[in-house]
């Protein structure tokens, strides 16, 4: 256990300079890109003094290094700056919009992991036969079609042809949202005892989450299948089979477990990237999430909002990286020992 914690802390220490470098890079880019954030916030017909006042409020009248210094000091106090898009604190925006996206990503991750394991194992167990061919076709379609196209297709099918799932927003008409406690509507609904609301939110999440997960699910299934085919043909598998070890032990320990190592690595990065890739799906399904907020602040050149969005996505990638490293070290202890 002590070795595991040492391994985790080592990975955390690697992440810190990465996030610092990311914050510097995106901070500079958000301020040197064409367009005046103060003018865009004030509007094209605003008086010059109003534009100058906003520029002073955003500290754009100071040198770049000084702007970053003040932003960093504010960050350590939990202040991500003022949003020229929503006209309020960026920290308040993150607190409001991020939980909705994290809920969607969590359900999409469940679909991705469950679907990839099921499809990959079926294809690997029946390699080069009919089930494998069917999974292969499904995987090719899933990889080649973007998630927003799946979202539009689901809306067409489940809104017009088979009205089974809701296709817009987080709540049905007439549903009372739960009192905000944690910011996560599913948890808040359970805390408030609003079980009908809990089910309603879940029902609204199914289509956007499934649309988000399909591409990654198909890719992960192909990786699992390839790993299983490769490991099945290795000499040590034939050797343990000759010793009469039960087939289920051979499958779980010598075929499936090592086949999951590359899949888990890709899976973790796919799940982390869902926050950055979800903006079109959130827009199509009118989901009030952080990705939709992110595309709006970029279109409005809200510099503090842009930095916050990229930083949050970077933190999510860092957390996913650490989790992936720990899971991979568990699946293959040799990796963890080499990294110590």
C-alpha atoms as a PDB file:
ATOM      1  CA  UNK A   1       0.000   0.000   0.000  1.00  0.00           C
ATOM      2  CA  UNK A   2       2.850   2.365   0.850  1.00  0.00           C
ATOM      3  CA  UNK A   3       4.429   1.740  -2.560  1.00  0.00           C
ATOM      4  CA  UNK A   4       1.132   2.555  -4.286  1.00  0.00           C
ATOM      5  CA  UNK A   5       0.808   5.889  -2.444  1.00  0.00           C
ATOM      6  CA  UNK A   6       4.420   6.722  -3.281  1.00  0.00           C
ATOM      7  CA  UNK A   7       3.681   5.966  -6.925  1.00  0.00           C
ATOM      8  CA  UNK A   8       0.572   8.200  -6.876  1.00  0.00           C
ATOM      9  CA  UNK A   9       2.395  11.126  -5.232  1.00  0.00           C
ATOM     10  CA  UNK A  10       5.155  10.820  -7.799  1.00  0.00           C
ATOM     11  CA  UNK A  11       2.589  11.121 -10.600  1.00  0.00           C
ATOM     12  CA  UNK A  12       0.966  14.128  -8.878  1.00  0.00           C
ATOM     13  CA  UNK A  13       4.320  15.910  -8.678  1.00  0.00           C
ATOM     14  CA  UNK A  14       4.794  15.356 -12.411  1.00  0.00           C
ATOM     15  CA  UNK A  15       1.407  16.956 -13.095  1.00  0.00           C
ATOM     16  CA  UNK A  16       2.031  20.249 -11.246  1.00  0.00           C
ATOM     17  CA  UNK A  17       4.639  21.735 -13.672  1.00  0.00           C
ATOM     18  CA  UNK A  18       2.498  20.580 -16.589  1.00  0.00           C
ATOM     19  CA  UNK A  19      -0.499  22.553 -15.314  1.00  0.00           C
ATOM     20  CA  UNK A  20       1.670  25.612 -14.614  1.00  0.00           C
ATOM     21  CA  UNK A  21       3.036  25.472 -18.161  1.00  0.00           C
ATOM     22  CA  UNK A  22      -0.479  25.038 -19.562  1.00  0.00           C
ATOM     23  CA  UNK A  23      -1.760  28.051 -17.603  1.00  0.00           C
ATOM     24  CA  UNK A  24       1.101  30.249 -18.896  1.00  0.00           C
ATOM     25  CA  UNK A  25       0.583  29.112 -22.491  1.00  0.00           C
ATOM     26  CA  UNK A  26      -3.191  29.599 -22.608  1.00  0.00           C
ATOM     27  CA  UNK A  27      -2.932  32.887 -20.646  1.00  0.00           C
ATOM     28  CA  UNK A  28      -0.564  34.328 -23.246  1.00  0.00           C
ATOM     29  CA  UNK A  29      -2.513  32.954 -26.225  1.00  0.00           C
ATOM     30  CA  UNK A  30      -5.835  34.337 -24.951  1.00  0.00           C
ATOM     31  CA  UNK A  31      -4.320  37.834 -24.825  1.00  0.00           C
ATOM     32  CA  UNK A  32      -2.263  37.938 -28.033  1.00  0.00           C
ATOM     33  CA  UNK A  33      -4.912  36.531 -30.368  1.00  0.00           C
ATOM     34  CA  UNK A  34      -6.559  39.080 -32.696  1.00  0.00           C
ATOM     35  CA  UNK A  35      -9.508  41.019 -31.298  1.00  0.00           C
ATOM     36  CA  UNK A  36      -9.940  43.368 -28.363  1.00  0.00           C
ATOM     37  CA  UNK A  37     -11.701  41.616 -25.457  1.00  0.00           C
ATOM     38  CA  UNK A  38     -12.634  44.959 -23.879  1.00  0.00           C
ATOM     39  CA  UNK A  39     -14.201  46.241 -27.114  1.00  0.00           C
ATOM     40  CA  UNK A  40     -16.087  42.966 -27.652  1.00  0.00           C
ATOM     41  CA  UNK A  41     -17.409  43.102 -24.087  1.00  0.00           C
ATOM     42  CA  UNK A  42     -18.499  46.753 -24.370  1.00  0.00           C
ATOM     43  CA  UNK A  43     -19.968  46.472 -27.865  1.00  0.00           C
ATOM     44  CA  UNK A  44     -19.009  48.226 -31.121  1.00  0.00           C
ATOM     45  CA  UNK A  45     -20.984  51.391 -30.302  1.00  0.00           C
ATOM     46  CA  UNK A  46     -19.747  51.813 -26.729  1.00  0.00           C
ATOM     47  CA  UNK A  47     -17.995  55.081 -25.789  1.00  0.00           C
ATOM     48  CA  UNK A  48     -14.230  54.994 -25.576  1.00  0.00           C
ATOM     49  CA  UNK A  49     -14.232  55.598 -21.814  1.00  0.00           C
ATOM     50  CA  UNK A  50     -16.378  52.487 -21.254  1.00  0.00           C
ATOM     51  CA  UNK A  51     -13.940  50.363 -23.276  1.00  0.00           C
ATOM     52  CA  UNK A  52     -11.016  51.786 -21.288  1.00  0.00           C
ATOM     53  CA  UNK A  53     -12.816  51.083 -18.020  1.00  0.00           C
ATOM     54  CA  UNK A  54     -13.339  47.409 -18.981  1.00  0.00           C
ATOM     55  CA  UNK A  55      -9.723  47.201 -20.135  1.00  0.00           C
ATOM     56  CA  UNK A  56      -8.604  48.507 -16.738  1.00  0.00           C
ATOM     57  CA  UNK A  57     -10.962  46.101 -14.958  1.00  0.00           C
ATOM     58  CA  UNK A  58      -9.426  43.170 -16.875  1.00  0.00           C
ATOM     59  CA  UNK A  59      -5.921  44.596 -16.240  1.00  0.00           C
ATOM     60  CA  UNK A  60      -5.248  44.633 -19.991  1.00  0.00           C
ATOM     61  CA  UNK A  61      -3.531  48.008 -19.557  1.00  0.00           C
ATOM     62  CA  UNK A  62      -0.706  46.317 -17.613  1.00  0.00           C
ATOM     63  CA  UNK A  63       2.311  44.329 -18.907  1.00  0.00           C
ATOM     64  CA  UNK A  64       1.656  40.658 -19.693  1.00  0.00           C
ATOM     65  CA  UNK A  65       3.828  39.315 -16.865  1.00  0.00           C
ATOM     66  CA  UNK A  66       1.998  41.555 -14.382  1.00  0.00           C
ATOM     67  CA  UNK A  67      -1.378  40.372 -15.665  1.00  0.00           C
ATOM     68  CA  UNK A  68      -0.320  36.755 -15.122  1.00  0.00           C
ATOM     69  CA  UNK A  69       1.012  37.538 -11.644  1.00  0.00           C
ATOM     70  CA  UNK A  70      -2.285  39.103 -10.530  1.00  0.00           C
ATOM     71  CA  UNK A  71      -4.255  36.256 -12.143  1.00  0.00           C
ATOM     72  CA  UNK A  72      -2.125  33.697 -10.293  1.00  0.00           C
ATOM     73  CA  UNK A  73      -2.597  35.501  -6.960  1.00  0.00           C
ATOM     74  CA  UNK A  74      -6.370  35.618  -7.550  1.00  0.00           C
ATOM     75  CA  UNK A  75      -6.340  31.928  -8.503  1.00  0.00           C
ATOM     76  CA  UNK A  76      -4.853  30.954  -5.142  1.00  0.00           C
ATOM     77  CA  UNK A  77      -7.742  32.864  -3.538  1.00  0.00           C
ATOM     78  CA  UNK A  78     -10.298  30.928  -5.601  1.00  0.00           C
ATOM     79  CA  UNK A  79     -10.954  33.807  -7.985  1.00  0.00           C
ATOM     80  CA  UNK A  80     -10.723  33.055 -11.720  1.00  0.00           C
ATOM     81  CA  UNK A  81     -11.539  36.626 -12.727  1.00  0.00           C
ATOM     82  CA  UNK A  82     -14.512  38.446 -14.247  1.00  0.00           C
ATOM     83  CA  UNK A  83     -16.381  37.016 -17.228  1.00  0.00           C
ATOM     84  CA  UNK A  84     -17.243  39.514 -19.943  1.00  0.00           C
ATOM     85  CA  UNK A  85     -19.680  36.953 -21.405  1.00  0.00           C
ATOM     86  CA  UNK A  86     -21.857  36.204 -18.355  1.00  0.00           C
ATOM     87  CA  UNK A  87     -21.030  39.496 -16.537  1.00  0.00           C
ATOM     88  CA  UNK A  88     -20.135  37.716 -13.314  1.00  0.00           C
ATOM     89  CA  UNK A  89     -17.329  35.759 -11.645  1.00  0.00           C
ATOM     90  CA  UNK A  90     -15.807  32.959 -13.749  1.00  0.00           C
ATOM     91  CA  UNK A  91     -15.572  30.899 -10.560  1.00  0.00           C
ATOM     92  CA  UNK A  92     -19.372  31.117 -10.217  1.00  0.00           C
ATOM     93  CA  UNK A  93     -19.731  30.015 -13.850  1.00  0.00           C
ATOM     94  CA  UNK A  94     -17.484  26.985 -13.298  1.00  0.00           C
ATOM     95  CA  UNK A  95     -19.417  26.008 -10.156  1.00  0.00           C
ATOM     96  CA  UNK A  96     -22.736  26.299 -12.014  1.00  0.00           C
ATOM     97  CA  UNK A  97     -21.944  24.639 -15.343  1.00  0.00           C
ATOM     98  CA  UNK A  98     -19.222  22.061 -14.598  1.00  0.00           C
ATOM     99  CA  UNK A  99     -21.317  19.596 -12.527  1.00  0.00           C
ATOM    100  CA  UNK A 100     -23.844  19.142 -15.365  1.00  0.00           C
ATOM    101  CA  UNK A 101     -21.060  18.201 -17.795  1.00  0.00           C
ATOM    102  CA  UNK A 102     -19.343  15.914 -15.280  1.00  0.00           C
ATOM    103  CA  UNK A 103     -22.613  14.011 -14.792  1.00  0.00           C
ATOM    104  CA  UNK A 104     -22.942  13.588 -18.556  1.00  0.00           C
ATOM    105  CA  UNK A 105     -19.315  12.482 -18.885  1.00  0.00           C
ATOM    106  CA  UNK A 106     -19.718   9.983 -16.039  1.00  0.00           C
ATOM    107  CA  UNK A 107     -22.682   8.318 -17.760  1.00  0.00           C
ATOM    108  CA  UNK A 108     -20.878   8.407 -21.115  1.00  0.00           C
ATOM    109  CA  UNK A 109     -17.870   6.754 -19.433  1.00  0.00           C
ATOM    110  CA  UNK A 110     -20.109   3.973 -18.108  1.00  0.00           C
ATOM    111  CA  UNK A 111     -21.490   3.406 -21.609  1.00  0.00           C
ATOM    112  CA  UNK A 112     -17.975   3.501 -23.084  1.00  0.00           C
ATOM    113  CA  UNK A 113     -16.409   1.077 -20.601  1.00  0.00           C
ATOM    114  CA  UNK A 114     -19.339  -1.354 -20.534  1.00  0.00           C
ATOM    115  CA  UNK A 115     -19.863  -1.333 -24.292  1.00  0.00           C
ATOM    116  CA  UNK A 116     -16.141  -1.596 -25.109  1.00  0.00           C
ATOM    117  CA  UNK A 117     -15.655  -4.549 -22.748  1.00  0.00           C
ATOM    118  CA  UNK A 118     -18.717  -6.371 -24.056  1.00  0.00           C
ATOM    119  CA  UNK A 119     -17.952  -5.815 -27.751  1.00  0.00           C
ATOM    120  CA  UNK A 120     -14.193  -6.347 -27.366  1.00  0.00           C
ATOM    121  CA  UNK A 121     -14.554  -9.605 -25.435  1.00  0.00           C
ATOM    122  CA  UNK A 122     -17.132 -10.983 -27.876  1.00  0.00           C
ATOM    123  CA  UNK A 123     -14.916 -10.106 -30.844  1.00  0.00           C
ATOM    124  CA  UNK A 124     -11.804 -11.521 -29.133  1.00  0.00           C
ATOM    125  CA  UNK A 125     -13.434 -14.780 -28.079  1.00  0.00           C
ATOM    126  CA  UNK A 126     -14.868 -15.379 -31.547  1.00  0.00           C
ATOM    127  CA  UNK A 127     -12.029 -13.888 -33.614  1.00  0.00           C
ATOM    128  CA  UNK A 128     -12.367 -14.202 -37.398  1.00  0.00           C
ATOM    129  CA  UNK A 129     -15.898 -15.583 -37.039  1.00  0.00           C
ATOM    130  CA  UNK A 130     -19.360 -14.061 -37.483  1.00  0.00           C
ATOM    131  CA  UNK A 131     -19.586 -12.261 -34.074  1.00  0.00           C
ATOM    132  CA  UNK A 132     -16.161 -10.727 -34.677  1.00  0.00           C
ATOM    133  CA  UNK A 133     -17.199  -9.535 -38.141  1.00  0.00           C
ATOM    134  CA  UNK A 134     -20.393  -7.980 -36.784  1.00  0.00           C
ATOM    135  CA  UNK A 135     -18.477  -6.169 -34.011  1.00  0.00           C
ATOM    136  CA  UNK A 136     -15.919  -5.006 -36.555  1.00  0.00           C
ATOM    137  CA  UNK A 137     -18.615  -3.412 -38.718  1.00  0.00           C
ATOM    138  CA  UNK A 138     -20.203  -1.763 -35.660  1.00  0.00           C
ATOM    139  CA  UNK A 139     -16.772  -0.462 -34.588  1.00  0.00           C
ATOM    140  CA  UNK A 140     -15.976   0.993 -38.016  1.00  0.00           C
ATOM    141  CA  UNK A 141     -19.302   2.838 -38.092  1.00  0.00           C
ATOM    142  CA  UNK A 142     -18.873   4.063 -34.510  1.00  0.00           C
ATOM    143  CA  UNK A 143     -15.366   5.395 -35.153  1.00  0.00           C
ATOM    144  CA  UNK A 144     -16.151   7.087 -38.477  1.00  0.00           C
ATOM    145  CA  UNK A 145     -19.340   8.935 -37.458  1.00  0.00           C
ATOM    146  CA  UNK A 146     -18.829  12.037 -35.231  1.00  0.00           C
ATOM    147  CA  UNK A 147     -20.681  12.204 -31.917  1.00  0.00           C
ATOM    148  CA  UNK A 148     -22.797  15.225 -32.946  1.00  0.00           C
ATOM    149  CA  UNK A 149     -24.066  13.284 -35.985  1.00  0.00           C
ATOM    150  CA  UNK A 150     -25.135  10.475 -33.649  1.00  0.00           C
ATOM    151  CA  UNK A 151     -26.850  13.126 -31.528  1.00  0.00           C
ATOM    152  CA  UNK A 152     -28.825  14.444 -34.511  1.00  0.00           C
ATOM    153  CA  UNK A 153     -29.701  10.893 -35.578  1.00  0.00           C
ATOM    154  CA  UNK A 154     -30.910  10.021 -32.070  1.00  0.00           C
ATOM    155  CA  UNK A 155     -33.050  13.145 -31.992  1.00  0.00           C
ATOM    156  CA  UNK A 156     -34.615  12.215 -35.327  1.00  0.00           C
ATOM    157  CA  UNK A 157     -35.324   8.641 -34.264  1.00  0.00           C
ATOM    158  CA  UNK A 158     -36.359   9.193 -30.636  1.00  0.00           C
ATOM    159  CA  UNK A 159     -38.265  12.450 -31.143  1.00  0.00           C
ATOM    160  CA  UNK A 160     -40.087  11.716 -34.400  1.00  0.00           C
ATOM    161  CA  UNK A 161     -40.197   7.970 -35.006  1.00  0.00           C
ATOM    162  CA  UNK A 162     -40.032   6.454 -31.507  1.00  0.00           C
ATOM    163  CA  UNK A 163     -40.740   9.097 -28.839  1.00  0.00           C
ATOM    164  CA  UNK A 164     -39.036   7.119 -26.082  1.00  0.00           C
ATOM    165  CA  UNK A 165     -36.388   9.502 -24.695  1.00  0.00           C
ATOM    166  CA  UNK A 166     -36.490  13.281 -24.197  1.00  0.00           C
ATOM    167  CA  UNK A 167     -34.180  15.173 -26.525  1.00  0.00           C
ATOM    168  CA  UNK A 168     -33.763  18.640 -24.963  1.00  0.00           C
ATOM    169  CA  UNK A 169     -32.556  20.047 -21.666  1.00  0.00           C
ATOM    170  CA  UNK A 170     -32.112  18.408 -18.276  1.00  0.00           C
ATOM    171  CA  UNK A 171     -35.708  18.386 -17.005  1.00  0.00           C
ATOM    172  CA  UNK A 172     -39.099  17.625 -18.502  1.00  0.00           C
ATOM    173  CA  UNK A 173     -41.720  20.350 -18.600  1.00  0.00           C
ATOM    174  CA  UNK A 174     -43.309  20.729 -15.180  1.00  0.00           C
ATOM    175  CA  UNK A 175     -40.492  18.936 -13.312  1.00  0.00           C
ATOM    176  CA  UNK A 176     -39.344  20.861 -10.249  1.00  0.00           C
ATOM    177  CA  UNK A 177     -35.518  21.065 -10.070  1.00  0.00           C
ATOM    178  CA  UNK A 178     -34.080  19.947  -6.722  1.00  0.00           C
ATOM    179  CA  UNK A 179     -32.642  22.535  -4.278  1.00  0.00           C
ATOM    180  CA  UNK A 180     -28.986  23.151  -5.112  1.00  0.00           C
ATOM    181  CA  UNK A 181     -26.749  21.511  -2.511  1.00  0.00           C
ATOM    182  CA  UNK A 182     -23.801  19.894  -4.306  1.00  0.00           C
ATOM    183  CA  UNK A 183     -24.445  21.288  -7.791  1.00  0.00           C
ATOM    184  CA  UNK A 184     -24.848  17.756  -9.153  1.00  0.00           C
ATOM    185  CA  UNK A 185     -28.547  17.558  -9.963  1.00  0.00           C
ATOM    186  CA  UNK A 186     -28.715  13.755  -9.595  1.00  0.00           C
ATOM    187  CA  UNK A 187     -27.217  13.863  -6.104  1.00  0.00           C
ATOM    188  CA  UNK A 188     -29.307  16.891  -5.132  1.00  0.00           C
ATOM    189  CA  UNK A 189     -32.471  15.093  -6.257  1.00  0.00           C
ATOM    190  CA  UNK A 190     -31.604  12.099  -4.045  1.00  0.00           C
ATOM    191  CA  UNK A 191     -30.808  14.373  -1.085  1.00  0.00           C
ATOM    192  CA  UNK A 192     -34.168  16.114  -1.507  1.00  0.00           C
ATOM    193  CA  UNK A 193     -35.982  12.781  -1.869  1.00  0.00           C
ATOM    194  CA  UNK A 194     -37.210  13.743  -5.366  1.00  0.00           C
ATOM    195  CA  UNK A 195     -36.880  10.294  -6.929  1.00  0.00           C
ATOM    196  CA  UNK A 196     -39.126  11.183  -9.887  1.00  0.00           C
ATOM    197  CA  UNK A 197     -36.788  14.077 -10.671  1.00  0.00           C
ATOM    198  CA  UNK A 198     -33.775  11.761 -10.358  1.00  0.00           C
ATOM    199  CA  UNK A 199     -35.258   9.359 -12.930  1.00  0.00           C
ATOM    200  CA  UNK A 200     -36.240  12.269 -15.184  1.00  0.00           C
ATOM    201  CA  UNK A 201     -32.667  13.631 -15.210  1.00  0.00           C
ATOM    202  CA  UNK A 202     -31.265  10.168 -15.948  1.00  0.00           C
ATOM    203  CA  UNK A 203     -33.740   9.777 -18.808  1.00  0.00           C
ATOM    204  CA  UNK A 204     -32.586  13.106 -20.280  1.00  0.00           C
ATOM    205  CA  UNK A 205     -28.935  12.024 -20.032  1.00  0.00           C
ATOM    206  CA  UNK A 206     -29.222   8.733 -21.939  1.00  0.00           C
ATOM    207  CA  UNK A 207     -29.144  10.029 -25.530  1.00  0.00           C
ATOM    208  CA  UNK A 208     -26.415  12.714 -25.210  1.00  0.00           C
ATOM    209  CA  UNK A 209     -24.237  10.403 -23.090  1.00  0.00           C
ATOM    210  CA  UNK A 210     -24.616   7.514 -25.534  1.00  0.00           C
ATOM    211  CA  UNK A 211     -23.876   9.805 -28.503  1.00  0.00           C
ATOM    212  CA  UNK A 212     -20.739  11.026 -26.716  1.00  0.00           C
ATOM    213  CA  UNK A 213     -19.509   7.526 -25.917  1.00  0.00           C
ATOM    214  CA  UNK A 214     -19.984   5.733 -29.242  1.00  0.00           C
ATOM    215  CA  UNK A 215     -16.748   6.735 -30.985  1.00  0.00           C
ATOM    216  CA  UNK A 216     -14.519   5.972 -28.005  1.00  0.00           C
ATOM    217  CA  UNK A 217     -16.460   2.766 -27.273  1.00  0.00           C
ATOM    218  CA  UNK A 218     -15.849   1.477 -30.793  1.00  0.00           C
ATOM    219  CA  UNK A 219     -12.133   2.345 -30.678  1.00  0.00           C
ATOM    220  CA  UNK A 220     -11.623   0.732 -27.250  1.00  0.00           C
ATOM    221  CA  UNK A 221     -13.457  -2.421 -28.368  1.00  0.00           C
ATOM    222  CA  UNK A 222     -11.083  -2.798 -31.306  1.00  0.00           C
ATOM    223  CA  UNK A 223      -8.055  -2.382 -29.005  1.00  0.00           C
ATOM    224  CA  UNK A 224      -9.362  -4.995 -26.551  1.00  0.00           C
ATOM    225  CA  UNK A 225     -10.110  -7.395 -29.393  1.00  0.00           C
ATOM    226  CA  UNK A 226      -6.629  -6.945 -30.915  1.00  0.00           C
ATOM    227  CA  UNK A 227      -4.993  -7.506 -27.532  1.00  0.00           C
ATOM    228  CA  UNK A 228      -6.981 -10.667 -26.876  1.00  0.00           C
ATOM    229  CA  UNK A 229      -6.123 -12.116 -30.293  1.00  0.00           C
ATOM    230  CA  UNK A 230      -2.426 -11.346 -29.756  1.00  0.00           C
ATOM    231  CA  UNK A 231      -2.319 -12.768 -26.210  1.00  0.00           C
ATOM    232  CA  UNK A 232      -4.263 -15.923 -27.165  1.00  0.00           C
ATOM    233  CA  UNK A 233      -1.560 -16.825 -29.661  1.00  0.00           C
ATOM    234  CA  UNK A 234       1.350 -16.421 -27.196  1.00  0.00           C
ATOM    235  CA  UNK A 235       3.361 -19.456 -26.137  1.00  0.00           C
ATOM    236  CA  UNK A 236       2.810 -19.113 -22.379  1.00  0.00           C
ATOM    237  CA  UNK A 237      -0.976 -19.348 -22.914  1.00  0.00           C
ATOM    238  CA  UNK A 238      -0.529 -22.630 -24.768  1.00  0.00           C
ATOM    239  CA  UNK A 239       1.778 -23.802 -21.990  1.00  0.00           C
ATOM    240  CA  UNK A 240      -0.646 -23.100 -19.110  1.00  0.00           C
ATOM    241  CA  UNK A 241      -3.450 -24.667 -21.155  1.00  0.00           C
ATOM    242  CA  UNK A 242      -1.304 -27.802 -21.552  1.00  0.00           C
ATOM    243  CA  UNK A 243      -0.908 -27.922 -17.763  1.00  0.00           C
ATOM    244  CA  UNK A 244      -4.678 -28.264 -17.485  1.00  0.00           C
ATOM    245  CA  UNK A 245      -5.421 -24.906 -15.856  1.00  0.00           C
ATOM    246  CA  UNK A 246      -9.158 -24.124 -16.104  1.00  0.00           C
ATOM    247  CA  UNK A 247     -10.134 -22.168 -19.210  1.00  0.00           C
ATOM    248  CA  UNK A 248     -11.836 -19.397 -17.218  1.00  0.00           C
ATOM    249  CA  UNK A 249      -8.580 -18.772 -15.294  1.00  0.00           C
ATOM    250  CA  UNK A 250      -6.578 -18.736 -18.519  1.00  0.00           C
ATOM    251  CA  UNK A 251      -9.035 -16.289 -20.069  1.00  0.00           C
ATOM    252  CA  UNK A 252      -9.238 -13.866 -17.141  1.00  0.00           C
ATOM    253  CA  UNK A 253      -5.583 -13.938 -16.000  1.00  0.00           C
ATOM    254  CA  UNK A 254      -3.513 -14.642 -19.099  1.00  0.00           C
ATOM    255  CA  UNK A 255      -5.634 -13.255 -21.953  1.00  0.00           C
ATOM    256  CA  UNK A 256      -8.076 -10.570 -20.792  1.00  0.00           C
ATOM    257  CA  UNK A 257      -6.026  -8.891 -18.035  1.00  0.00           C
ATOM    258  CA  UNK A 258      -2.937  -8.090 -20.162  1.00  0.00           C
ATOM    259  CA  UNK A 259      -5.206  -7.146 -23.084  1.00  0.00           C
ATOM    260  CA  UNK A 260      -6.782  -4.410 -20.981  1.00  0.00           C
ATOM    261  CA  UNK A 261      -3.498  -2.518 -20.390  1.00  0.00           C
ATOM    262  CA  UNK A 262      -3.415  -0.616 -23.741  1.00  0.00           C
ATOM    263  CA  UNK A 263      -7.211  -0.283 -23.730  1.00  0.00           C
ATOM    264  CA  UNK A 264      -7.269   1.303 -20.257  1.00  0.00           C
ATOM    265  CA  UNK A 265      -4.651   3.867 -21.310  1.00  0.00           C
ATOM    266  CA  UNK A 266      -6.665   4.935 -24.358  1.00  0.00           C
ATOM    267  CA  UNK A 267      -9.939   4.702 -22.421  1.00  0.00           C
ATOM    268  CA  UNK A 268      -8.733   7.091 -19.732  1.00  0.00           C
ATOM    269  CA  UNK A 269      -7.644   9.714 -22.236  1.00  0.00           C
ATOM    270  CA  UNK A 270     -10.898   9.311 -24.187  1.00  0.00           C
ATOM    271  CA  UNK A 271     -12.952   9.899 -21.042  1.00  0.00           C
ATOM    272  CA  UNK A 272     -10.883  12.968 -20.144  1.00  0.00           C
ATOM    273  CA  UNK A 273     -11.311  14.387 -23.653  1.00  0.00           C
ATOM    274  CA  UNK A 274     -15.106  14.095 -23.462  1.00  0.00           C
ATOM    275  CA  UNK A 275     -15.312  17.456 -21.643  1.00  0.00           C
ATOM    276  CA  UNK A 276     -13.604  19.200 -24.541  1.00  0.00           C
ATOM    277  CA  UNK A 277     -15.486  17.236 -27.212  1.00  0.00           C
ATOM    278  CA  UNK A 278     -18.964  17.550 -25.727  1.00  0.00           C
ATOM    279  CA  UNK A 279     -19.766  21.108 -26.844  1.00  0.00           C
ATOM    280  CA  UNK A 280     -21.625  20.110 -30.027  1.00  0.00           C
ATOM    281  CA  UNK A 281     -23.603  17.379 -28.244  1.00  0.00           C
ATOM    282  CA  UNK A 282     -24.492  19.765 -25.399  1.00  0.00           C
ATOM    283  CA  UNK A 283     -25.539  22.354 -27.973  1.00  0.00           C
ATOM    284  CA  UNK A 284     -27.724  19.879 -29.900  1.00  0.00           C
ATOM    285  CA  UNK A 285     -29.422  18.550 -26.765  1.00  0.00           C
ATOM    286  CA  UNK A 286     -29.490  21.999 -25.085  1.00  0.00           C
ATOM    287  CA  UNK A 287     -27.663  20.526 -22.115  1.00  0.00           C
ATOM    288  CA  UNK A 288     -26.664  23.305 -19.659  1.00  0.00           C
ATOM    289  CA  UNK A 289     -23.074  22.140 -19.327  1.00  0.00           C
ATOM    290  CA  UNK A 290     -19.517  23.434 -19.144  1.00  0.00           C
ATOM    291  CA  UNK A 291     -18.562  22.507 -22.716  1.00  0.00           C
ATOM    292  CA  UNK A 292     -21.402  24.607 -24.090  1.00  0.00           C
ATOM    293  CA  UNK A 293     -20.240  27.447 -21.832  1.00  0.00           C
ATOM    294  CA  UNK A 294     -16.697  26.963 -23.145  1.00  0.00           C
ATOM    295  CA  UNK A 295     -17.610  27.429 -26.797  1.00  0.00           C
ATOM    296  CA  UNK A 296     -19.602  30.570 -25.924  1.00  0.00           C
ATOM    297  CA  UNK A 297     -16.722  32.226 -24.041  1.00  0.00           C
ATOM    298  CA  UNK A 298     -14.387  31.436 -26.955  1.00  0.00           C
ATOM    299  CA  UNK A 299     -16.769  32.968 -29.497  1.00  0.00           C
ATOM    300  CA  UNK A 300     -17.072  36.084 -27.312  1.00  0.00           C
ATOM    301  CA  UNK A 301     -13.293  36.205 -26.590  1.00  0.00           C
ATOM    302  CA  UNK A 302     -13.909  36.140 -22.871  1.00  0.00           C
ATOM    303  CA  UNK A 303     -10.242  35.815 -21.880  1.00  0.00           C
ATOM    304  CA  UNK A 304     -10.794  34.804 -18.257  1.00  0.00           C
ATOM    305  CA  UNK A 305     -13.469  32.300 -19.282  1.00  0.00           C
ATOM    306  CA  UNK A 306     -11.172  30.799 -21.950  1.00  0.00           C
ATOM    307  CA  UNK A 307      -8.288  30.348 -19.495  1.00  0.00           C
ATOM    308  CA  UNK A 308     -10.625  28.767 -16.918  1.00  0.00           C
ATOM    309  CA  UNK A 309     -12.130  26.318 -19.440  1.00  0.00           C
ATOM    310  CA  UNK A 310      -8.744  25.144 -20.744  1.00  0.00           C
ATOM    311  CA  UNK A 311      -7.349  24.897 -17.208  1.00  0.00           C
ATOM    312  CA  UNK A 312     -10.287  22.773 -16.013  1.00  0.00           C
ATOM    313  CA  UNK A 313      -9.911  20.467 -19.032  1.00  0.00           C
ATOM    314  CA  UNK A 314      -6.171  20.226 -18.279  1.00  0.00           C
ATOM    315  CA  UNK A 315      -6.870  19.307 -14.646  1.00  0.00           C
ATOM    316  CA  UNK A 316      -9.354  16.639 -15.794  1.00  0.00           C
ATOM    317  CA  UNK A 317      -6.702  15.181 -18.127  1.00  0.00           C
ATOM    318  CA  UNK A 318      -4.181  15.197 -15.279  1.00  0.00           C
ATOM    319  CA  UNK A 319      -6.571  13.362 -12.945  1.00  0.00           C
ATOM    320  CA  UNK A 320      -7.403  10.851 -15.693  1.00  0.00           C
ATOM    321  CA  UNK A 321      -3.676  10.321 -16.289  1.00  0.00           C
ATOM    322  CA  UNK A 322      -3.060   9.527 -12.631  1.00  0.00           C
ATOM    323  CA  UNK A 323      -6.018   7.122 -12.472  1.00  0.00           C
ATOM    324  CA  UNK A 324      -4.866   5.396 -15.674  1.00  0.00           C
ATOM    325  CA  UNK A 325      -1.324   5.022 -14.318  1.00  0.00           C
ATOM    326  CA  UNK A 326      -2.619   3.443 -11.104  1.00  0.00           C
ATOM    327  CA  UNK A 327      -4.986   1.050 -12.913  1.00  0.00           C
ATOM    328  CA  UNK A 328      -2.301   0.040 -15.419  1.00  0.00           C
ATOM    329  CA  UNK A 329       0.178  -0.538 -12.567  1.00  0.00           C
ATOM    330  CA  UNK A 330      -2.427  -2.812 -10.959  1.00  0.00           C
ATOM    331  CA  UNK A 331      -3.033  -4.735 -14.178  1.00  0.00           C
ATOM    332  CA  UNK A 332       0.700  -5.058 -14.871  1.00  0.00           C
ATOM    333  CA  UNK A 333       2.770  -4.659 -11.655  1.00  0.00           C
ATOM    334  CA  UNK A 334       5.996  -4.593 -13.698  1.00  0.00           C
ATOM    335  CA  UNK A 335       5.092  -1.103 -14.963  1.00  0.00           C
ATOM    336  CA  UNK A 336       4.682   0.251 -11.430  1.00  0.00           C
ATOM    337  CA  UNK A 337       7.991  -1.280 -10.302  1.00  0.00           C
ATOM    338  CA  UNK A 338       9.866   0.178 -13.289  1.00  0.00           C
ATOM    339  CA  UNK A 339       8.460   3.653 -12.545  1.00  0.00           C
ATOM    340  CA  UNK A 340       9.614   3.710  -8.924  1.00  0.00           C
END
